[in-house]
Amino acid sequence: MSPQEENIDLWSPQGPVTVLTEAESWELLDGSAFGRLGVSVANQPEIFPINYYADGDTILFRTSEGTKLLELTINSNVAFEADAYTDEWAWSVIVKGRAQMIENQEDIFEADQLPLSPWIPTLKYIYVRITPTEITGRRFLRAPEPERY
């Protein structure tokens, strides 16, 4: 939804950058489906593009065996970022938390019912849930740079 549709005053008291509340950040995550997962193993950072489902409390994604899953089993501390932009505005939400593979069959069945399917023709049977420890979001007014004096 665009700021015009939401009647958002982008020129808030905070200026062209607005710090979002946790609820506003979740609302933006709930309305999106693509982000980036950041992990670190042996002090080596990795970033993976993922499609996801946000339920207002956690972030869920599907994966298969491979580098991403291996790295999550070594170090479950992750960062996740999603963003979007138009000509008028942009937003970014960052979630820091812990990722855990879903192993309970009842939870897997529930996850199977969600609108979360691979974007590429691969089999991804493993669900991973990110439980946040911190969430921050910002909205940015996109406008020309001010004149330099």
Protein backbone atom coordinates (compact mmCIF):
# COMPACT_ATOMS: atom_id res chain seq x y z
CA MET A 1 0.00 0.00 0.00
CA SER A 2 1.42 3.40 -0.90
CA PRO A 3 1.72 6.29 1.57
CA GLN A 4 -0.98 8.14 -0.40
CA GLU A 5 -3.38 5.22 0.09
CA GLU A 6 -2.56 5.15 3.78
CA ASN A 7 -2.70 8.97 4.17
CA ILE A 8 0.74 8.93 5.77
CA ASP A 9 2.38 12.28 6.43
CA LEU A 10 5.89 11.60 5.18
CA TRP A 11 7.03 14.99 6.39
CA SER A 12 6.64 13.91 9.98
CA PRO A 13 8.32 15.72 12.87
CA GLN A 14 11.21 13.31 12.34
CA GLY A 15 11.87 14.76 8.88
CA PRO A 16 12.26 12.71 5.69
CA VAL A 17 13.30 9.63 7.72
CA THR A 18 10.65 8.19 10.02
CA VAL A 19 11.50 5.58 12.63
CA LEU A 20 8.70 3.02 12.60
CA THR A 21 7.11 1.34 15.57
CA GLU A 22 7.34 -2.43 15.91
CA ALA A 23 3.67 -2.72 14.86
CA GLU A 24 4.26 -0.58 11.76
CA SER A 25 7.32 -2.68 10.89
CA TRP A 26 5.32 -5.92 11.16
CA GLU A 27 2.58 -4.43 8.98
CA LEU A 28 5.12 -3.74 6.24
CA LEU A 29 6.64 -7.21 6.58
CA ASP A 30 3.17 -8.77 6.44
CA GLY A 31 2.54 -6.98 3.14
CA SER A 32 5.73 -8.15 1.49
CA ALA A 33 7.17 -11.54 0.52
CA PHE A 34 10.84 -11.11 -0.42
CA GLY A 35 13.84 -10.32 1.77
CA ARG A 36 17.42 -11.17 2.56
CA LEU A 37 18.73 -13.48 5.26
CA GLY A 38 22.11 -12.62 6.77
CA VAL A 39 24.12 -15.27 8.59
CA SER A 40 27.67 -15.49 9.91
CA VAL A 41 29.78 -18.60 10.29
CA ALA A 42 33.44 -18.49 11.32
CA ASN A 43 33.31 -14.68 11.06
CA GLN A 44 32.35 -14.93 7.40
CA PRO A 45 29.09 -13.16 6.50
CA GLU A 46 26.68 -14.60 3.94
CA ILE A 47 23.47 -13.14 2.52
CA PHE A 48 20.72 -15.21 0.91
CA PRO A 49 17.65 -13.91 -0.93
CA ILE A 50 14.52 -15.62 0.39
CA ASN A 51 10.78 -15.43 0.02
CA TYR A 52 9.03 -15.51 3.36
CA TYR A 53 5.81 -15.34 5.32
CA ALA A 54 5.45 -12.97 8.28
CA ASP A 55 2.74 -13.71 10.81
CA GLY A 56 3.18 -10.67 13.06
CA ASP A 57 5.36 -12.53 15.56
CA THR A 58 7.82 -14.58 13.51
CA ILE A 59 9.16 -14.97 9.98
CA LEU A 60 8.91 -18.29 8.21
CA PHE A 61 10.75 -19.46 5.10
CA ARG A 62 11.33 -22.71 3.24
CA THR A 63 14.67 -24.15 2.29
CA SER A 64 16.38 -27.39 1.34
CA GLU A 65 19.56 -29.02 2.54
CA GLY A 66 22.58 -26.98 1.60
CA THR A 67 24.77 -24.06 2.64
CA LYS A 68 22.01 -21.93 4.14
CA LEU A 69 20.65 -24.69 6.36
CA LEU A 70 24.13 -25.86 7.38
CA GLU A 71 25.11 -22.34 8.40
CA LEU A 72 21.92 -21.94 10.43
CA THR A 73 22.71 -25.12 12.37
CA ILE A 74 26.20 -23.81 13.17
CA ASN A 75 25.05 -20.31 14.21
CA SER A 76 21.32 -19.68 14.60
CA ASN A 77 21.74 -15.91 15.14
CA VAL A 78 20.53 -14.19 11.99
CA ALA A 79 19.61 -10.84 10.53
CA PHE A 80 16.72 -10.50 8.10
CA GLU A 81 15.94 -7.45 5.99
CA ALA A 82 13.05 -6.60 3.71
CA ASP A 83 12.41 -3.35 1.87
CA ALA A 84 10.45 -1.75 -0.92
CA TYR A 85 10.28 1.57 -2.73
CA THR A 86 8.31 3.68 -5.14
CA ASP A 87 9.17 7.02 -6.75
CA GLU A 88 7.85 8.81 -3.64
CA TRP A 89 8.90 6.68 -0.65
CA ALA A 90 10.90 3.70 0.56
CA TRP A 91 10.99 1.54 3.65
CA SER A 92 13.33 -0.95 5.29
CA VAL A 93 12.74 -3.33 8.18
CA ILE A 94 15.52 -5.26 9.89
CA VAL A 95 14.85 -8.21 12.17
CA LYS A 96 17.54 -9.72 14.35
CA GLY A 97 16.81 -13.05 15.96
CA ARG A 98 17.30 -16.77 16.09
CA ALA A 99 16.47 -19.19 13.30
CA GLN A 100 15.25 -22.67 14.09
CA MET A 101 14.22 -25.50 11.81
CA ILE A 102 10.63 -26.61 12.41
CA GLU A 103 10.62 -30.28 13.32
CA ASN A 104 7.27 -30.83 15.04
CA GLN A 105 4.92 -32.55 12.55
CA GLU A 106 1.88 -30.52 13.64
CA ASP A 107 3.81 -27.26 13.10
CA ILE A 108 4.97 -28.50 9.68
CA PHE A 109 1.37 -29.30 8.72
CA GLU A 110 0.29 -25.78 9.78
CA ALA A 111 3.17 -24.26 7.80
CA ASP A 112 2.12 -26.28 4.73
CA GLN A 113 -1.21 -24.42 4.81
CA LEU A 114 0.43 -20.97 4.56
CA PRO A 115 0.81 -19.08 1.27
CA LEU A 116 4.52 -19.87 1.09
CA SER A 117 5.87 -21.76 -1.87
CA PRO A 118 9.25 -21.74 -3.61
CA TRP A 119 9.70 -19.12 -6.30
CA ILE A 120 11.93 -21.41 -8.33
CA PRO A 121 11.17 -25.00 -9.41
CA THR A 122 12.91 -26.74 -6.54
CA LEU A 123 11.74 -28.94 -3.69
CA LYS A 124 12.02 -27.17 -0.36
CA TYR A 125 10.52 -29.27 2.40
CA ILE A 126 12.33 -27.70 5.34
CA TYR A 127 10.68 -24.83 7.20
CA VAL A 128 12.74 -22.39 9.24
CA ARG A 129 11.24 -19.93 11.71
CA ILE A 130 13.00 -16.71 12.74
CA THR A 131 12.01 -15.61 16.22
CA PRO A 132 12.92 -11.93 16.62
CA THR A 133 14.95 -10.50 19.45
CA GLU A 134 14.93 -7.03 17.86
CA ILE A 135 13.00 -5.35 15.05
CA THR A 136 13.63 -1.90 13.61
CA GLY A 137 12.08 -0.13 10.69
CA ARG A 138 12.39 3.15 8.83
CA ARG A 139 10.39 4.92 6.15
CA PHE A 140 12.15 7.35 3.82
CA LEU A 141 10.76 10.17 1.75
CA ARG A 142 12.27 10.01 -1.72
CA ALA A 143 12.83 13.52 -2.98
CA PRO A 144 15.60 15.50 -4.66
CA GLU A 145 18.69 16.27 -2.62
CA PRO A 146 18.48 19.70 -0.95
CA GLU A 147 20.55 22.52 -2.42
CA ARG A 148 24.12 22.74 -1.15
CA TYR A 149 25.10 26.10 0.28
